[in-house]
Amino acid sequence: MPANSANPPLPLNPVIVECPRDAMQGWGHPISTEKKVEYLNALLRVGFDTIDFGSFVSPKLIPQMADTAELLSALVRGPSLTRLLAIVANIRGAETAAGYGSIDCLGYPFSVSETFQKKNTHHGLTDSLNMVKELIAISKGKGKELVIYLSMGFGNPYGDPYSTDIVAEWVDRLANLGIGVISLADTVGVAVPKTIRKLFAYLIPAFPQIRFGAHFHSQPSQWLEKVQTADLQGCRRFDTTLLGIGGCPMAGDELVGNIATENLIQYFRDKQVNFSFDEDALREARLLALQLFR
């Protein structure tokens, strides 16, 4: 692992990645394409940095995302600089997603847990690392950014070896491949401040070429300690969902839920951070979320 270097200057404002895909994918009732389009277009008007809007995975595994390609033709980007991110789990999905000009980023879940990687993508860690190399080539060839979600990044309930050193070793391998964005994913909501602090305190200065993010799943009572700890260690990218809906349906457990976007916004506003969001659009999107996830 590389030696620690001086802390790079931190961005003034955090980046918020709104994740309606994470909210919708495990929802127990089918959501119509029409309703998804209405919701996503409302989110596009808010001004988020990125919207994780859909996934190109097997509809047998995630039926709620079967219409991801259909959504694209109905989304209205307008003057919005918001980027669209799609999750992929294999080469075929990546090639399909990369073929759409309106998609800016591909997201690939790479787990530090061999067991969960096989559950989630049907590939082991060695094959998945080789796949990352192919995903890099596909992304670069189509002018897309590849985002790696480091699943089970804060703990592993499956009995596989886990430590912060193991996470750092995988980050080192991914960094050597040229990955520029890695979001540590609290897949089953087990992250605690001590682990969060240790990981970001080491990773952010050790890998200044990588933009690190936090994709926390959390019980409502625990979101603040997770966000605050990551923020104080310099994390400037947070994945959230309006109302805190969502979780990973492939984890084989109850959906833990995400950090609520409105909570994250208020946390940073209390710290005098100003977001250039369209407040009317944000209120409209939240009302639609209340209807969508009743």
Protein backbone atom coordinates (compact mmCIF):
# COMPACT_ATOMS: atom_id res chain seq x y z
CA MET A 1 0.00 0.00 0.00
CA PRO A 2 1.27 3.51 -0.73
CA ALA A 3 2.61 5.69 2.02
CA ASN A 4 0.37 8.46 3.32
CA SER A 5 0.84 11.82 1.64
CA ALA A 6 -0.30 15.29 2.60
CA ASN A 7 -4.05 15.81 2.55
CA PRO A 8 -5.19 17.28 -0.79
CA PRO A 9 -7.34 20.40 -0.67
CA LEU A 10 -10.98 19.47 -0.10
CA PRO A 11 -13.77 20.64 -2.41
CA LEU A 12 -15.82 23.47 -0.93
CA ASN A 13 -19.13 21.67 -1.32
CA PRO A 14 -20.03 18.00 -1.03
CA VAL A 15 -21.40 16.18 -4.05
CA ILE A 16 -24.81 14.56 -3.69
CA VAL A 17 -25.64 11.52 -5.81
CA GLU A 18 -29.38 10.99 -5.71
CA CYS A 19 -30.17 7.26 -6.06
CA PRO A 20 -33.77 6.60 -7.13
CA ARG A 21 -32.58 3.32 -8.64
CA ASP A 22 -31.58 2.15 -5.16
CA ALA A 23 -34.98 3.22 -3.84
CA MET A 24 -37.00 1.55 -6.60
CA GLN A 25 -35.09 -1.69 -7.25
CA GLY A 26 -36.28 -3.53 -4.14
CA TRP A 27 -39.68 -1.86 -3.77
CA GLY A 28 -42.35 -4.48 -3.17
CA HIS A 29 -44.91 -3.12 -5.64
CA PRO A 30 -44.36 -2.61 -9.38
CA ILE A 31 -43.76 1.02 -10.35
CA SER A 32 -44.95 1.94 -13.82
CA THR A 33 -42.57 3.36 -16.39
CA GLU A 34 -44.77 6.47 -16.57
CA LYS A 35 -44.43 7.10 -12.83
CA LYS A 36 -40.68 6.53 -12.94
CA VAL A 37 -40.30 9.03 -15.78
CA GLU A 38 -42.32 11.65 -13.89
CA TYR A 39 -40.19 11.16 -10.79
CA LEU A 40 -36.85 11.12 -12.59
CA ASN A 41 -37.69 14.26 -14.56
CA ALA A 42 -38.57 16.02 -11.31
CA LEU A 43 -35.21 14.95 -9.85
CA LEU A 44 -33.41 16.21 -12.97
CA ARG A 45 -34.84 19.67 -12.34
CA VAL A 46 -33.40 19.83 -8.80
CA GLY A 47 -29.75 20.15 -9.77
CA PHE A 48 -28.09 17.13 -8.17
CA ASP A 49 -24.55 16.36 -9.33
CA THR A 50 -25.50 12.83 -10.41
CA ILE A 51 -28.63 10.69 -10.51
CA ASP A 52 -28.24 6.93 -10.21
CA PHE A 53 -31.36 6.33 -12.27
CA GLY A 54 -31.39 2.68 -13.39
CA SER A 55 -29.48 -0.52 -14.06
CA PHE A 56 -28.77 -2.82 -16.97
CA VAL A 57 -29.01 -6.13 -15.16
CA SER A 58 -31.07 -9.25 -15.63
CA PRO A 59 -34.80 -8.47 -15.27
CA LYS A 60 -35.17 -11.90 -13.67
CA LEU A 61 -33.01 -10.71 -10.80
CA ILE A 62 -34.21 -7.09 -10.56
CA PRO A 63 -37.59 -6.91 -12.37
CA GLN A 64 -38.21 -3.35 -11.20
CA MET A 65 -35.35 -2.17 -13.43
CA ALA A 66 -36.43 -3.98 -16.60
CA ASP A 67 -37.54 -0.71 -18.23
CA THR A 68 -34.30 1.23 -17.72
CA ALA A 69 -33.69 1.62 -21.46
CA GLU A 70 -37.27 2.84 -22.00
CA LEU A 71 -36.80 5.57 -19.40
CA LEU A 72 -33.95 7.21 -21.28
CA SER A 73 -36.01 8.29 -24.27
CA ALA A 74 -38.50 10.07 -21.99
CA LEU A 75 -36.09 11.89 -19.69
CA VAL A 76 -35.80 15.64 -20.15
CA ARG A 77 -32.29 16.89 -19.47
CA GLY A 78 -32.94 20.53 -20.39
CA PRO A 79 -30.18 22.88 -19.18
CA SER A 80 -29.43 20.54 -16.26
CA LEU A 81 -25.78 19.60 -15.75
CA THR A 82 -26.87 16.57 -13.72
CA ARG A 83 -25.17 13.41 -14.87
CA LEU A 84 -26.94 10.08 -15.31
CA LEU A 85 -25.40 6.93 -13.84
CA ALA A 86 -26.47 3.36 -14.62
CA ILE A 87 -25.44 0.26 -12.68
CA VAL A 88 -24.04 -2.69 -14.65
CA ALA A 89 -23.08 -6.16 -13.47
CA ASN A 90 -21.41 -7.69 -16.53
CA ILE A 91 -19.84 -6.86 -19.89
CA ARG A 92 -23.09 -7.19 -21.84
CA GLY A 93 -24.84 -4.72 -19.56
CA ALA A 94 -21.90 -2.33 -19.75
CA GLU A 95 -21.81 -2.40 -23.54
CA THR A 96 -25.55 -1.75 -23.67
CA ALA A 97 -25.41 1.11 -21.17
CA ALA A 98 -22.35 2.68 -22.78
CA GLY A 99 -24.18 2.77 -26.11
CA TYR A 100 -26.58 5.44 -24.83
CA GLY A 101 -25.28 8.96 -25.29
CA SER A 102 -27.37 10.32 -22.44
CA ILE A 103 -25.68 8.06 -19.86
CA ASP A 104 -22.60 9.71 -18.37
CA CYS A 105 -21.40 7.15 -15.82
CA LEU A 106 -21.36 3.39 -15.38
CA GLY A 107 -21.40 2.00 -11.86
CA TYR A 108 -20.04 -1.45 -11.04
CA PRO A 109 -20.49 -3.16 -7.64
CA PHE A 110 -17.21 -4.75 -6.60
CA SER A 111 -17.37 -6.44 -3.22
CA VAL A 112 -14.54 -7.18 -0.81
CA SER A 113 -16.63 -10.26 0.08
CA GLU A 114 -16.22 -13.24 -2.24
CA THR A 115 -19.58 -14.61 -1.08
CA PHE A 116 -21.51 -11.42 -1.74
CA GLN A 117 -19.79 -10.79 -5.07
CA LYS A 118 -21.03 -14.16 -6.29
CA LYS A 119 -24.52 -13.46 -4.95
CA ASN A 120 -24.61 -10.04 -6.55
CA THR A 121 -22.87 -10.52 -9.91
CA HIS A 122 -22.33 -14.32 -10.15
CA HIS A 123 -18.57 -13.78 -10.42
CA GLY A 124 -15.79 -14.28 -7.92
CA LEU A 125 -13.33 -11.54 -7.00
CA THR A 126 -10.60 -12.59 -9.46
CA ASP A 127 -13.03 -12.68 -12.39
CA SER A 128 -14.60 -9.43 -11.22
CA LEU A 129 -11.24 -7.66 -11.13
CA ASN A 130 -10.58 -8.82 -14.68
CA MET A 131 -14.02 -7.55 -15.59
CA VAL A 132 -13.14 -4.13 -14.19
CA LYS A 133 -10.30 -3.97 -16.72
CA GLU A 134 -12.79 -4.60 -19.54
CA LEU A 135 -15.24 -2.10 -18.07
CA ILE A 136 -12.52 0.54 -18.05
CA ALA A 137 -11.90 -0.06 -21.76
CA ILE A 138 -15.62 0.08 -22.57
CA SER A 139 -16.11 3.25 -20.53
CA LYS A 140 -13.13 5.05 -22.03
CA GLY A 141 -14.12 4.00 -25.53
CA LYS A 142 -17.53 5.63 -25.12
CA GLY A 143 -16.44 8.62 -23.04
CA LYS A 144 -18.10 7.41 -19.83
CA GLU A 145 -16.85 7.58 -16.25
CA LEU A 146 -16.59 4.27 -14.39
CA VAL A 147 -17.60 4.41 -10.72
CA ILE A 148 -16.72 1.46 -8.49
CA TYR A 149 -19.02 0.71 -5.56
CA LEU A 150 -16.98 -1.20 -3.00
CA SER A 151 -19.71 -3.40 -1.53
CA MET A 152 -19.38 -4.64 2.05
CA GLY A 153 -16.84 -1.85 2.43
CA PHE A 154 -17.57 -1.36 6.13
CA GLY A 155 -18.11 -4.95 7.22
CA ASN A 156 -18.95 -8.46 6.03
CA PRO A 157 -21.73 -10.56 7.59
CA TYR A 158 -20.99 -13.59 5.39
CA GLY A 159 -17.96 -14.87 7.27
CA ASP A 160 -15.39 -13.89 4.63
CA PRO A 161 -12.22 -12.23 5.91
CA TYR A 162 -12.75 -8.52 6.53
CA SER A 163 -10.57 -5.73 7.84
CA THR A 164 -9.87 -2.14 6.90
CA ASP A 165 -6.51 -3.37 5.58
CA ILE A 166 -8.32 -5.71 3.18
CA VAL A 167 -10.43 -2.81 1.92
CA ALA A 168 -7.27 -0.72 1.44
CA GLU A 169 -5.61 -3.56 -0.49
CA TRP A 170 -8.54 -3.76 -2.92
CA VAL A 171 -8.56 0.01 -3.32
CA ASP A 172 -4.85 -0.17 -4.15
CA ARG A 173 -5.52 -2.76 -6.87
CA LEU A 174 -8.34 -0.68 -8.33
CA ALA A 175 -6.23 2.47 -8.18
CA ASN A 176 -3.46 0.72 -10.12
CA LEU A 177 -6.00 0.02 -12.87
CA GLY A 178 -6.75 3.73 -13.11
CA ILE A 179 -10.12 3.90 -11.32
CA GLY A 180 -10.86 7.51 -10.37
CA VAL A 181 -14.06 7.22 -8.31
CA ILE A 182 -14.69 4.68 -5.54
CA SER A 183 -17.74 4.80 -3.30
CA LEU A 184 -17.51 2.70 -0.15
CA ALA A 185 -20.84 0.93 0.24
CA ASP A 186 -22.35 0.05 3.61
CA THR A 187 -24.37 -2.68 1.93
CA VAL A 188 -26.11 -4.10 5.00
CA GLY A 189 -25.91 -1.08 7.29
CA VAL A 190 -23.16 -2.28 9.62
CA ALA A 191 -20.83 0.74 9.44
CA VAL A 192 -19.86 2.29 12.76
CA PRO A 193 -17.98 5.55 13.33
CA LYS A 194 -14.72 3.79 14.28
CA THR A 195 -14.56 1.88 10.99
CA ILE A 196 -15.72 4.85 8.92
CA ARG A 197 -13.09 7.07 10.54
CA LYS A 198 -10.27 4.57 10.08
CA LEU A 199 -11.04 3.92 6.40
CA PHE A 200 -11.46 7.49 5.20
CA ALA A 201 -8.62 8.80 7.38
CA TYR A 202 -6.28 6.42 5.58
CA LEU A 203 -7.72 6.19 2.07
CA ILE A 204 -8.31 9.85 1.24
CA PRO A 205 -4.73 11.03 1.80
CA ALA A 206 -3.18 7.76 0.60
CA PHE A 207 -4.94 7.86 -2.78
CA PRO A 208 -5.25 11.56 -3.72
CA GLN A 209 -6.01 10.61 -7.34
CA ILE A 210 -9.29 8.94 -6.29
CA ARG A 211 -12.53 10.69 -5.38
CA PHE A 212 -13.98 8.68 -2.53
CA GLY A 213 -17.66 8.52 -1.71
CA ALA A 214 -19.93 7.00 0.91
CA HIS A 215 -23.00 4.97 0.05
CA PHE A 216 -24.47 4.38 3.49
CA HIS A 217 -27.39 2.14 4.33
CA SER A 218 -28.63 3.03 7.75
CA GLN A 219 -31.36 2.87 10.32
CA PRO A 220 -32.93 6.34 10.74
CA SER A 221 -31.39 6.70 14.21
CA GLN A 222 -27.83 6.13 12.94
CA TRP A 223 -27.53 8.28 9.84
CA LEU A 224 -26.07 11.35 11.53
CA GLU A 225 -23.09 9.62 13.16
CA LYS A 226 -22.22 7.96 9.85
CA VAL A 227 -22.43 11.13 7.76
CA GLN A 228 -20.68 13.28 10.34
CA THR A 229 -17.78 10.87 10.73
CA ALA A 230 -17.24 10.55 6.96
CA ASP A 231 -17.54 14.32 6.50
CA LEU A 232 -14.99 15.09 9.21
CA GLN A 233 -12.50 12.75 7.52
CA GLY A 234 -12.88 14.59 4.22
CA CYS A 235 -15.45 12.53 2.30
CA ARG A 236 -17.10 14.83 -0.23
CA ARG A 237 -19.37 12.46 -2.16
CA PHE A 238 -22.54 11.02 -0.63
CA ASP A 239 -25.17 8.71 -2.15
CA THR A 240 -28.65 9.33 -0.75
CA THR A 241 -32.34 8.94 -1.59
CA LEU A 242 -35.31 11.13 -0.86
CA LEU A 243 -37.18 9.77 2.18
CA GLY A 244 -34.31 7.34 2.81
CA ILE A 245 -36.03 4.58 0.84
CA GLY A 246 -34.02 1.64 -0.46
CA GLY A 247 -31.32 -0.88 0.15
CA CYS A 248 -29.79 -3.85 -1.62
CA PRO A 249 -32.26 -6.64 -2.49
CA MET A 250 -29.35 -8.97 -3.30
CA ALA A 251 -28.10 -8.91 0.29
CA GLY A 252 -30.72 -11.47 1.33
CA ASP A 253 -31.86 -9.36 4.26
CA GLU A 254 -34.46 -6.74 5.03
CA LEU A 255 -33.80 -3.52 3.11
CA VAL A 256 -32.01 -1.36 5.66
CA GLY A 257 -32.72 1.94 3.95
CA ASN A 258 -30.56 4.77 2.65
CA ILE A 259 -29.54 8.09 4.11
CA ALA A 260 -32.43 10.50 3.43
CA THR A 261 -31.37 13.22 1.01
CA GLU A 262 -33.29 15.86 2.93
CA ASN A 263 -31.35 14.96 6.09
CA LEU A 264 -28.01 15.24 4.32
CA ILE A 265 -28.94 18.60 2.80
CA GLN A 266 -30.01 19.98 6.18
CA TYR A 267 -26.83 18.64 7.82
CA PHE A 268 -24.64 20.58 5.42
CA ARG A 269 -26.84 23.68 5.47
CA ASP A 270 -26.42 23.74 9.24
CA LYS A 271 -22.69 23.95 8.46
CA GLN A 272 -23.33 26.94 6.18
CA VAL A 273 -22.95 24.93 2.96
CA ASN A 274 -25.11 26.33 0.16
CA PHE A 275 -26.42 24.11 -2.61
CA SER A 276 -27.58 25.61 -5.90
CA PHE A 277 -30.72 23.48 -5.96
CA ASP A 278 -34.06 24.48 -7.43
CA GLU A 279 -36.05 24.48 -4.19
CA ASP A 280 -39.43 24.24 -5.93
CA ALA A 281 -38.23 21.23 -7.89
CA LEU A 282 -36.88 19.64 -4.70
CA ARG A 283 -40.23 20.04 -2.96
CA GLU A 284 -42.05 18.63 -6.01
CA ALA A 285 -39.71 15.63 -6.15
CA ARG A 286 -40.24 14.92 -2.46
CA LEU A 287 -44.02 15.04 -2.88
CA LEU A 288 -43.76 12.60 -5.78
CA ALA A 289 -41.59 10.33 -3.65
CA LEU A 290 -44.24 10.33 -0.94
CA GLN A 291 -46.78 9.19 -3.52
CA LEU A 292 -44.50 6.70 -5.22
CA PHE A 293 -43.35 4.95 -2.05
CA ARG A 294 -46.59 4.89 -0.09
